[in-house]
Amino acid sequence: MKLSQENRDLWLVMALAVAAGAWVVAFPEVTSPARVVLGFLAMLALPGYALMLVLFPRRSDLDFADRLILCLGLSVPVIVLVGVVLNFTPFKIRPASVAVGLALFTVLLGFLAIWRRSRVALPDRFIPEMRPTATQMAWVASFAVLALVVYWVARPNERFTEFYLLGPQGRLENYARQLRPGEEFSVTLVLRNLEDRRMEYRVRVPFDPAVGELRTPVIPDEGTWARTLRLKAPAGSGETQLSFDLYRPGDSTPYRQLYLRVDLRSEAQP
């Protein structure tokens, strides 16, 4: 396996995949059109392109249109596989872990594709032309337009505040599930302002009057506020929903509500 110019397409694929993963890890809050384009390539084109060359390294295996369709189609199972693997690791499925996992898997496929290409006689290898034909450019343009249409249709028209709870280890898991009335437990309340303006909020915890009303500082657009609460389970028994209510300035009814399902058990119950 040599660092020859015939593999420049795969080196570019691996470099873009690493750049996309590094961007998400280093600048998780920064969004821009360039990030959208790079993210689209990293998820729906780059891993599929590398896998396509692993499976079909010969020029005669497929025509250009088939390769273009296949590289998009093969990216989906790669994403699913990365997600399944991450789910059984301590990193779980999070934006940063998915980005890094996808980048590493794409690099692995890239090296495997280089090795597969090296096993084919030079005249028979599929090596993309640096000067594509008009037909090839038309195919690429068609898929680019399709990707933009899908993104435009799928993107949310309105931005709302993210309001969620984290368990004791700061993860979306390990919440209290079984409690006795009056028993103390902890959760971390997280707000992320996505209202396109500076906001302040009020939070009420109806089942624990001792908490009263929480008021957040002014949170900038795309800013995050978090607070760990020490709470007491209410009286009662059986399956119960513990609610957390979020209000904006001027709201008389909750803007957002969270529910934590718990099983309340008295001392006499096992």
C-alpha atoms as a PDB file:
ATOM      1  CA  MET A   1       0.000   0.000   0.000  1.00  0.00           C
ATOM      2  CA  LYS A   2       1.641   3.183  -1.201  1.00  0.00           C
ATOM      3  CA  LEU A   3       0.795   6.839  -0.759  1.00  0.00           C
ATOM      4  CA  SER A   4       0.437   7.178  -4.520  1.00  0.00           C
ATOM      5  CA  GLN A   5      -1.688   9.713  -6.369  1.00  0.00           C
ATOM      6  CA  GLU A   6      -4.042   6.999  -7.536  1.00  0.00           C
ATOM      7  CA  ASN A   7      -5.448   6.884  -3.983  1.00  0.00           C
ATOM      8  CA  ARG A   8      -5.950  10.633  -3.633  1.00  0.00           C
ATOM      9  CA  ASP A   9      -9.731  10.180  -3.627  1.00  0.00           C
ATOM     10  CA  LEU A  10      -9.552   7.908  -0.576  1.00  0.00           C
ATOM     11  CA  TRP A  11      -7.079  10.158   1.236  1.00  0.00           C
ATOM     12  CA  LEU A  12      -9.487  13.047   0.660  1.00  0.00           C
ATOM     13  CA  VAL A  13     -12.397  10.971   1.974  1.00  0.00           C
ATOM     14  CA  MET A  14     -10.477  10.090   5.146  1.00  0.00           C
ATOM     15  CA  ALA A  15      -9.313  13.683   5.662  1.00  0.00           C
ATOM     16  CA  LEU A  16     -12.864  15.042   5.354  1.00  0.00           C
ATOM     17  CA  ALA A  17     -14.189  12.395   7.743  1.00  0.00           C
ATOM     18  CA  VAL A  18     -11.554  13.275  10.358  1.00  0.00           C
ATOM     19  CA  ALA A  19     -12.213  17.011   9.865  1.00  0.00           C
ATOM     20  CA  ALA A  20     -15.964  16.498  10.407  1.00  0.00           C
ATOM     21  CA  GLY A  21     -15.375  14.492  13.585  1.00  0.00           C
ATOM     22  CA  ALA A  22     -12.883  17.026  14.922  1.00  0.00           C
ATOM     23  CA  TRP A  23     -15.284  19.913  14.208  1.00  0.00           C
ATOM     24  CA  VAL A  24     -18.098  18.322  16.235  1.00  0.00           C
ATOM     25  CA  VAL A  25     -15.793  17.511  19.165  1.00  0.00           C
ATOM     26  CA  ALA A  26     -13.927  20.830  19.248  1.00  0.00           C
ATOM     27  CA  PHE A  27     -16.834  23.183  18.444  1.00  0.00           C
ATOM     28  CA  PRO A  28     -20.079  21.442  19.483  1.00  0.00           C
ATOM     29  CA  GLU A  29     -22.054  24.697  19.711  1.00  0.00           C
ATOM     30  CA  VAL A  30     -20.931  26.209  16.390  1.00  0.00           C
ATOM     31  CA  THR A  31     -23.306  25.769  13.459  1.00  0.00           C
ATOM     32  CA  SER A  32     -22.819  27.047   9.928  1.00  0.00           C
ATOM     33  CA  PRO A  33     -23.652  26.063   6.325  1.00  0.00           C
ATOM     34  CA  ALA A  34     -20.132  24.615   6.003  1.00  0.00           C
ATOM     35  CA  ARG A  35     -20.773  22.335   8.981  1.00  0.00           C
ATOM     36  CA  VAL A  36     -24.077  21.180   7.447  1.00  0.00           C
ATOM     37  CA  VAL A  37     -22.359  20.314   4.155  1.00  0.00           C
ATOM     38  CA  LEU A  38     -19.447  18.585   5.881  1.00  0.00           C
ATOM     39  CA  GLY A  39     -21.805  16.710   8.176  1.00  0.00           C
ATOM     40  CA  PHE A  40     -23.907  15.558   5.223  1.00  0.00           C
ATOM     41  CA  LEU A  41     -20.813  14.249   3.473  1.00  0.00           C
ATOM     42  CA  ALA A  42     -19.471  12.579   6.629  1.00  0.00           C
ATOM     43  CA  MET A  43     -22.730  10.737   7.273  1.00  0.00           C
ATOM     44  CA  LEU A  44     -24.264  10.034   3.874  1.00  0.00           C
ATOM     45  CA  ALA A  45     -21.402   9.940   1.376  1.00  0.00           C
ATOM     46  CA  LEU A  46     -17.887   9.368   2.726  1.00  0.00           C
ATOM     47  CA  PRO A  47     -18.334   6.033   4.561  1.00  0.00           C
ATOM     48  CA  GLY A  48     -20.425   4.679   1.697  1.00  0.00           C
ATOM     49  CA  TYR A  49     -17.805   5.714  -0.873  1.00  0.00           C
ATOM     50  CA  ALA A  50     -15.049   3.917   1.028  1.00  0.00           C
ATOM     51  CA  LEU A  51     -17.190   0.808   1.521  1.00  0.00           C
ATOM     52  CA  MET A  52     -18.220   0.865  -2.136  1.00  0.00           C
ATOM     53  CA  LEU A  53     -14.541   0.707  -3.164  1.00  0.00           C
ATOM     54  CA  VAL A  54     -13.912  -2.113  -0.701  1.00  0.00           C
ATOM     55  CA  LEU A  55     -16.651  -4.134  -2.382  1.00  0.00           C
ATOM     56  CA  PHE A  56     -16.150  -3.016  -6.000  1.00  0.00           C
ATOM     57  CA  PRO A  57     -12.547  -1.926  -6.659  1.00  0.00           C
ATOM     58  CA  ARG A  58     -12.589  -2.783 -10.381  1.00  0.00           C
ATOM     59  CA  ARG A  59     -13.550  -0.277 -13.040  1.00  0.00           C
ATOM     60  CA  SER A  60     -15.788  -2.831 -14.746  1.00  0.00           C
ATOM     61  CA  ASP A  61     -17.791  -3.660 -11.593  1.00  0.00           C
ATOM     62  CA  LEU A  62     -20.187  -0.704 -11.789  1.00  0.00           C
ATOM     63  CA  ASP A  63     -20.845   2.372 -13.883  1.00  0.00           C
ATOM     64  CA  PHE A  64     -20.634   5.895 -12.448  1.00  0.00           C
ATOM     65  CA  ALA A  65     -24.358   6.266 -11.704  1.00  0.00           C
ATOM     66  CA  ASP A  66     -24.476   2.951  -9.866  1.00  0.00           C
ATOM     67  CA  ARG A  67     -21.442   3.910  -7.801  1.00  0.00           C
ATOM     68  CA  LEU A  68     -22.968   7.259  -6.856  1.00  0.00           C
ATOM     69  CA  ILE A  69     -26.233   5.660  -5.756  1.00  0.00           C
ATOM     70  CA  LEU A  70     -24.420   2.882  -3.928  1.00  0.00           C
ATOM     71  CA  CYS A  71     -22.120   5.172  -1.980  1.00  0.00           C
ATOM     72  CA  LEU A  72     -25.192   6.952  -0.583  1.00  0.00           C
ATOM     73  CA  GLY A  73     -27.026   3.702   0.099  1.00  0.00           C
ATOM     74  CA  LEU A  74     -24.085   1.999   1.804  1.00  0.00           C
ATOM     75  CA  SER A  75     -23.595   4.913   4.208  1.00  0.00           C
ATOM     76  CA  VAL A  76     -26.837   4.069   6.014  1.00  0.00           C
ATOM     77  CA  PRO A  77     -25.813   0.600   7.275  1.00  0.00           C
ATOM     78  CA  VAL A  78     -22.431   2.022   8.303  1.00  0.00           C
ATOM     79  CA  ILE A  79     -24.180   4.637  10.478  1.00  0.00           C
ATOM     80  CA  VAL A  80     -26.441   1.966  11.970  1.00  0.00           C
ATOM     81  CA  LEU A  81     -23.465  -0.289  12.724  1.00  0.00           C
ATOM     82  CA  VAL A  82     -21.548   2.538  14.408  1.00  0.00           C
ATOM     83  CA  GLY A  83     -24.624   3.399  16.485  1.00  0.00           C
ATOM     84  CA  VAL A  84     -25.111  -0.220  17.595  1.00  0.00           C
ATOM     85  CA  VAL A  85     -21.456  -0.541  18.612  1.00  0.00           C
ATOM     86  CA  LEU A  86     -21.489   2.772  20.503  1.00  0.00           C
ATOM     87  CA  ASN A  87     -24.635   1.770  22.371  1.00  0.00           C
ATOM     88  CA  PHE A  88     -22.688  -1.053  24.043  1.00  0.00           C
ATOM     89  CA  THR A  89     -19.817   1.213  25.083  1.00  0.00           C
ATOM     90  CA  PRO A  90     -19.565   3.788  27.903  1.00  0.00           C
ATOM     91  CA  PHE A  91     -19.657   6.566  25.273  1.00  0.00           C
ATOM     92  CA  LYS A  92     -23.251   5.754  24.234  1.00  0.00           C
ATOM     93  CA  ILE A  93     -24.932   7.480  21.285  1.00  0.00           C
ATOM     94  CA  ARG A  94     -24.099  11.185  21.500  1.00  0.00           C
ATOM     95  CA  PRO A  95     -23.175  13.696  18.769  1.00  0.00           C
ATOM     96  CA  ALA A  96     -19.460  13.688  19.650  1.00  0.00           C
ATOM     97  CA  SER A  97     -19.200   9.907  20.012  1.00  0.00           C
ATOM     98  CA  VAL A  98     -21.085   9.310  16.758  1.00  0.00           C
ATOM     99  CA  ALA A  99     -18.900  11.820  14.897  1.00  0.00           C
ATOM    100  CA  VAL A 100     -15.665  10.267  16.201  1.00  0.00           C
ATOM    101  CA  GLY A 101     -16.891   6.704  15.685  1.00  0.00           C
ATOM    102  CA  LEU A 102     -17.993   7.458  12.137  1.00  0.00           C
ATOM    103  CA  ALA A 103     -14.662   9.156  11.362  1.00  0.00           C
ATOM    104  CA  LEU A 104     -12.653   6.215  12.702  1.00  0.00           C
ATOM    105  CA  PHE A 105     -14.774   3.690  10.822  1.00  0.00           C
ATOM    106  CA  THR A 106     -14.464   5.691   7.598  1.00  0.00           C
ATOM    107  CA  VAL A 107     -10.676   5.815   8.004  1.00  0.00           C
ATOM    108  CA  LEU A 108     -10.632   2.056   8.584  1.00  0.00           C
ATOM    109  CA  LEU A 109     -12.718   1.498   5.445  1.00  0.00           C
ATOM    110  CA  GLY A 110     -10.445   3.892   3.551  1.00  0.00           C
ATOM    111  CA  PHE A 111      -7.309   1.903   4.340  1.00  0.00           C
ATOM    112  CA  LEU A 112      -9.129  -1.330   3.519  1.00  0.00           C
ATOM    113  CA  ALA A 113     -10.234   0.164   0.184  1.00  0.00           C
ATOM    114  CA  ILE A 114      -6.644   1.186  -0.617  1.00  0.00           C
ATOM    115  CA  TRP A 115      -5.504  -2.374   0.074  1.00  0.00           C
ATOM    116  CA  ARG A 116      -8.325  -3.816  -2.065  1.00  0.00           C
ATOM    117  CA  ARG A 117      -7.475  -1.443  -4.908  1.00  0.00           C
ATOM    118  CA  SER A 118      -3.804  -2.453  -4.735  1.00  0.00           C
ATOM    119  CA  ARG A 119      -4.801  -6.090  -5.334  1.00  0.00           C
ATOM    120  CA  VAL A 120      -6.302  -5.197  -8.717  1.00  0.00           C
ATOM    121  CA  ALA A 121      -4.203  -4.706 -11.851  1.00  0.00           C
ATOM    122  CA  LEU A 122      -3.574  -1.011 -12.492  1.00  0.00           C
ATOM    123  CA  PRO A 123      -5.524  -0.801 -15.811  1.00  0.00           C
ATOM    124  CA  ASP A 124      -8.568  -2.439 -14.157  1.00  0.00           C
ATOM    125  CA  ARG A 125      -8.708  -0.275 -11.025  1.00  0.00           C
ATOM    126  CA  PHE A 126     -11.546   2.169 -10.516  1.00  0.00           C
ATOM    127  CA  ILE A 127      -9.915   5.564 -10.105  1.00  0.00           C
ATOM    128  CA  PRO A 128     -12.228   8.568 -10.458  1.00  0.00           C
ATOM    129  CA  GLU A 129     -11.358  11.022 -13.194  1.00  0.00           C
ATOM    130  CA  MET A 130     -10.092  14.408 -12.107  1.00  0.00           C
ATOM    131  CA  ARG A 131     -11.992  15.850 -15.078  1.00  0.00           C
ATOM    132  CA  PRO A 132     -15.479  14.319 -14.859  1.00  0.00           C
ATOM    133  CA  THR A 133     -17.730  14.187 -17.915  1.00  0.00           C
ATOM    134  CA  ALA A 134     -20.825  16.334 -18.309  1.00  0.00           C
ATOM    135  CA  THR A 135     -23.017  13.324 -17.520  1.00  0.00           C
ATOM    136  CA  GLN A 136     -21.134  12.604 -14.319  1.00  0.00           C
ATOM    137  CA  MET A 137     -21.361  16.231 -13.233  1.00  0.00           C
ATOM    138  CA  ALA A 138     -25.099  16.162 -13.922  1.00  0.00           C
ATOM    139  CA  TRP A 139     -25.512  13.110 -11.674  1.00  0.00           C
ATOM    140  CA  VAL A 140     -23.553  14.745  -8.858  1.00  0.00           C
ATOM    141  CA  ALA A 141     -25.509  17.999  -9.226  1.00  0.00           C
ATOM    142  CA  SER A 142     -28.804  16.081  -9.128  1.00  0.00           C
ATOM    143  CA  PHE A 143     -27.882  14.358  -5.880  1.00  0.00           C
ATOM    144  CA  ALA A 144     -26.648  17.632  -4.384  1.00  0.00           C
ATOM    145  CA  VAL A 145     -29.968  19.320  -5.201  1.00  0.00           C
ATOM    146  CA  LEU A 146     -31.841  16.334  -3.742  1.00  0.00           C
ATOM    147  CA  ALA A 147     -29.804  16.559  -0.547  1.00  0.00           C
ATOM    148  CA  LEU A 148     -30.569  20.285  -0.217  1.00  0.00           C
ATOM    149  CA  VAL A 149     -34.293  19.668  -0.764  1.00  0.00           C
ATOM    150  CA  VAL A 150     -34.330  16.921   1.876  1.00  0.00           C
ATOM    151  CA  TYR A 151     -32.483  19.163   4.316  1.00  0.00           C
ATOM    152  CA  TRP A 152     -34.839  22.087   3.656  1.00  0.00           C
ATOM    153  CA  VAL A 153     -37.960  19.957   4.128  1.00  0.00           C
ATOM    154  CA  ALA A 154     -36.656  18.086   7.168  1.00  0.00           C
ATOM    155  CA  ARG A 155     -35.214  21.057   9.029  1.00  0.00           C
ATOM    156  CA  PRO A 156     -37.399  22.433  11.833  1.00  0.00           C
ATOM    157  CA  ASN A 157     -39.272  25.614  10.926  1.00  0.00           C
ATOM    158  CA  GLU A 158     -39.312  26.804  14.518  1.00  0.00           C
ATOM    159  CA  ARG A 159     -36.708  26.623  17.216  1.00  0.00           C
ATOM    160  CA  PHE A 160     -37.745  25.789  20.737  1.00  0.00           C
ATOM    161  CA  THR A 161     -36.108  25.586  24.125  1.00  0.00           C
ATOM    162  CA  GLU A 162     -34.533  22.248  24.981  1.00  0.00           C
ATOM    163  CA  PHE A 163     -35.708  21.134  28.421  1.00  0.00           C
ATOM    164  CA  TYR A 164     -34.514  17.810  29.803  1.00  0.00           C
ATOM    165  CA  LEU A 165     -33.287  15.917  32.860  1.00  0.00           C
ATOM    166  CA  LEU A 166     -30.011  14.124  33.489  1.00  0.00           C
ATOM    167  CA  GLY A 167     -29.511  11.314  35.975  1.00  0.00           C
ATOM    168  CA  PRO A 168     -27.043  11.274  38.884  1.00  0.00           C
ATOM    169  CA  GLN A 169     -24.056  10.573  36.601  1.00  0.00           C
ATOM    170  CA  GLY A 170     -24.928  13.436  34.257  1.00  0.00           C
ATOM    171  CA  ARG A 171     -26.354  11.100  31.604  1.00  0.00           C
ATOM    172  CA  LEU A 172     -29.755  10.494  30.067  1.00  0.00           C
ATOM    173  CA  GLU A 173     -30.121   7.367  32.199  1.00  0.00           C
ATOM    174  CA  ASN A 174     -30.042   5.957  35.741  1.00  0.00           C
ATOM    175  CA  TYR A 175     -32.990   8.046  36.919  1.00  0.00           C
ATOM    176  CA  ALA A 176     -34.675   7.162  40.195  1.00  0.00           C
ATOM    177  CA  ARG A 177     -37.338   4.562  39.414  1.00  0.00           C
ATOM    178  CA  GLN A 178     -38.495   3.305  42.794  1.00  0.00           C
ATOM    179  CA  LEU A 179     -38.953   5.731  45.695  1.00  0.00           C
ATOM    180  CA  ARG A 180     -40.610   5.835  49.086  1.00  0.00           C
ATOM    181  CA  PRO A 181     -42.704   8.901  50.004  1.00  0.00           C
ATOM    182  CA  GLY A 182     -40.379  11.563  51.372  1.00  0.00           C
ATOM    183  CA  GLU A 183     -37.248   9.858  50.039  1.00  0.00           C
ATOM    184  CA  GLU A 184     -34.629  12.216  48.615  1.00  0.00           C
ATOM    185  CA  PHE A 185     -33.240  11.883  45.091  1.00  0.00           C
ATOM    186  CA  SER A 186     -31.236  14.048  42.681  1.00  0.00           C
ATOM    187  CA  VAL A 187     -31.693  15.108  39.075  1.00  0.00           C
ATOM    188  CA  THR A 188     -29.959  17.721  36.959  1.00  0.00           C
ATOM    189  CA  LEU A 189     -32.261  20.114  35.136  1.00  0.00           C
ATOM    190  CA  VAL A 190     -30.908  21.395  31.799  1.00  0.00           C
ATOM    191  CA  LEU A 191     -32.174  24.242  29.614  1.00  0.00           C
ATOM    192  CA  ARG A 192     -30.833  25.208  26.206  1.00  0.00           C
ATOM    193  CA  ASN A 193     -32.157  28.427  24.716  1.00  0.00           C
ATOM    194  CA  LEU A 194     -33.003  28.009  21.012  1.00  0.00           C
ATOM    195  CA  GLU A 195     -35.449  30.910  20.720  1.00  0.00           C
ATOM    196  CA  ASP A 196     -33.181  33.124  18.558  1.00  0.00           C
ATOM    197  CA  ARG A 197     -33.064  35.701  21.370  1.00  0.00           C
ATOM    198  CA  ARG A 198     -31.915  36.091  24.943  1.00  0.00           C
ATOM    199  CA  MET A 199     -34.333  34.466  27.372  1.00  0.00           C
ATOM    200  CA  GLU A 200     -34.927  33.924  31.052  1.00  0.00           C
ATOM    201  CA  TYR A 201     -37.193  31.244  32.443  1.00  0.00           C
ATOM    202  CA  ARG A 202     -39.037  30.074  35.529  1.00  0.00           C
ATOM    203  CA  VAL A 203     -39.127  26.458  36.634  1.00  0.00           C
ATOM    204  CA  ARG A 204     -41.614  24.938  39.056  1.00  0.00           C
ATOM    205  CA  VAL A 205     -41.563  21.503  40.643  1.00  0.00           C
ATOM    206  CA  PRO A 206     -45.187  21.005  41.799  1.00  0.00           C
ATOM    207  CA  PHE A 207     -44.591  17.723  43.651  1.00  0.00           C
ATOM    208  CA  ASP A 208     -41.950  19.279  45.963  1.00  0.00           C
ATOM    209  CA  PRO A 209     -43.186  22.633  47.387  1.00  0.00           C
ATOM    210  CA  ALA A 210     -39.895  23.107  49.248  1.00  0.00           C
ATOM    211  CA  VAL A 211     -38.154  23.884  45.946  1.00  0.00           C
ATOM    212  CA  GLY A 212     -40.420  26.838  45.240  1.00  0.00           C
ATOM    213  CA  GLU A 213     -39.938  28.657  41.935  1.00  0.00           C
ATOM    214  CA  LEU A 214     -36.535  28.645  40.251  1.00  0.00           C
ATOM    215  CA  ARG A 215     -35.536  31.608  38.120  1.00  0.00           C
ATOM    216  CA  THR A 216     -32.745  31.299  35.597  1.00  0.00           C
ATOM    217  CA  PRO A 217     -30.341  34.095  34.663  1.00  0.00           C
ATOM    218  CA  VAL A 218     -30.646  35.597  31.198  1.00  0.00           C
ATOM    219  CA  ILE A 219     -29.515  32.845  28.822  1.00  0.00           C
ATOM    220  CA  PRO A 220     -28.102  33.907  25.425  1.00  0.00           C
ATOM    221  CA  ASP A 221     -29.319  32.286  22.227  1.00  0.00           C
ATOM    222  CA  GLU A 222     -27.959  28.723  22.049  1.00  0.00           C
ATOM    223  CA  GLY A 223     -26.719  29.106  25.618  1.00  0.00           C
ATOM    224  CA  THR A 224     -27.200  26.389  28.242  1.00  0.00           C
ATOM    225  CA  TRP A 225     -28.150  26.522  31.913  1.00  0.00           C
ATOM    226  CA  ALA A 226     -28.049  23.530  34.256  1.00  0.00           C
ATOM    227  CA  ARG A 227     -28.796  23.008  37.925  1.00  0.00           C
ATOM    228  CA  THR A 228     -28.739  19.891  40.105  1.00  0.00           C
ATOM    229  CA  LEU A 229     -31.819  19.616  42.339  1.00  0.00           C
ATOM    230  CA  ARG A 230     -32.166  17.648  45.533  1.00  0.00           C
ATOM    231  CA  LEU A 231     -35.829  16.654  45.687  1.00  0.00           C
ATOM    232  CA  LYS A 232     -38.202  14.664  47.887  1.00  0.00           C
ATOM    233  CA  ALA A 233     -40.691  12.128  46.572  1.00  0.00           C
ATOM    234  CA  PRO A 234     -44.344  13.086  47.228  1.00  0.00           C
ATOM    235  CA  ALA A 235     -46.872  11.122  49.254  1.00  0.00           C
ATOM    236  CA  GLY A 236     -48.773   8.392  47.496  1.00  0.00           C
ATOM    237  CA  SER A 237     -48.304   4.912  46.161  1.00  0.00           C
ATOM    238  CA  GLY A 238     -48.070   3.151  42.819  1.00  0.00           C
ATOM    239  CA  GLU A 239     -46.863   4.444  39.486  1.00  0.00           C
ATOM    240  CA  THR A 240     -46.666   8.253  39.545  1.00  0.00           C
ATOM    241  CA  GLN A 241     -45.589  10.972  37.148  1.00  0.00           C
ATOM    242  CA  LEU A 242     -43.439  13.680  38.703  1.00  0.00           C
ATOM    243  CA  SER A 243     -43.737  16.840  36.623  1.00  0.00           C
ATOM    244  CA  PHE A 244     -41.291  19.689  36.000  1.00  0.00           C
ATOM    245  CA  ASP A 245     -42.862  22.842  34.524  1.00  0.00           C
ATOM    246  CA  LEU A 246     -41.040  25.457  32.452  1.00  0.00           C
ATOM    247  CA  TYR A 247     -42.376  28.997  31.967  1.00  0.00           C
ATOM    248  CA  ARG A 248     -41.262  31.911  29.824  1.00  0.00           C
ATOM    249  CA  PRO A 249     -41.824  35.525  30.889  1.00  0.00           C
ATOM    250  CA  GLY A 250     -45.548  36.244  30.809  1.00  0.00           C
ATOM    251  CA  ASP A 251     -46.618  32.590  30.565  1.00  0.00           C
ATOM    252  CA  SER A 252     -49.539  31.571  32.782  1.00  0.00           C
ATOM    253  CA  THR A 253     -49.432  27.948  31.650  1.00  0.00           C
ATOM    254  CA  PRO A 254     -46.312  25.789  31.290  1.00  0.00           C
ATOM    255  CA  TYR A 255     -44.362  26.316  28.074  1.00  0.00           C
ATOM    256  CA  ARG A 256     -42.668  22.921  28.448  1.00  0.00           C
ATOM    257  CA  GLN A 257     -43.297  20.013  30.816  1.00  0.00           C
ATOM    258  CA  LEU A 258     -41.145  17.047  31.768  1.00  0.00           C
ATOM    259  CA  TYR A 259     -42.417  13.906  33.437  1.00  0.00           C
ATOM    260  CA  LEU A 260     -40.372  11.455  35.460  1.00  0.00           C
ATOM    261  CA  ARG A 261     -42.172   8.142  35.982  1.00  0.00           C
ATOM    262  CA  VAL A 262     -41.503   6.557  39.372  1.00  0.00           C
ATOM    263  CA  ASP A 263     -42.999   3.770  41.432  1.00  0.00           C
ATOM    264  CA  LEU A 264     -43.872   5.051  44.914  1.00  0.00           C
ATOM    265  CA  ARG A 265     -43.705   2.346  47.570  1.00  0.00           C
ATOM    266  CA  SER A 266     -44.534   2.600  51.244  1.00  0.00           C
ATOM    267  CA  GLU A 267     -42.368   1.055  53.950  1.00  0.00           C
ATOM    268  CA  ALA A 268     -44.699  -1.936  54.128  1.00  0.00           C
ATOM    269  CA  GLN A 269     -44.310  -2.746  50.439  1.00  0.00           C
ATOM    270  CA  PRO A 270     -41.394  -4.956  49.283  1.00  0.00           C
END
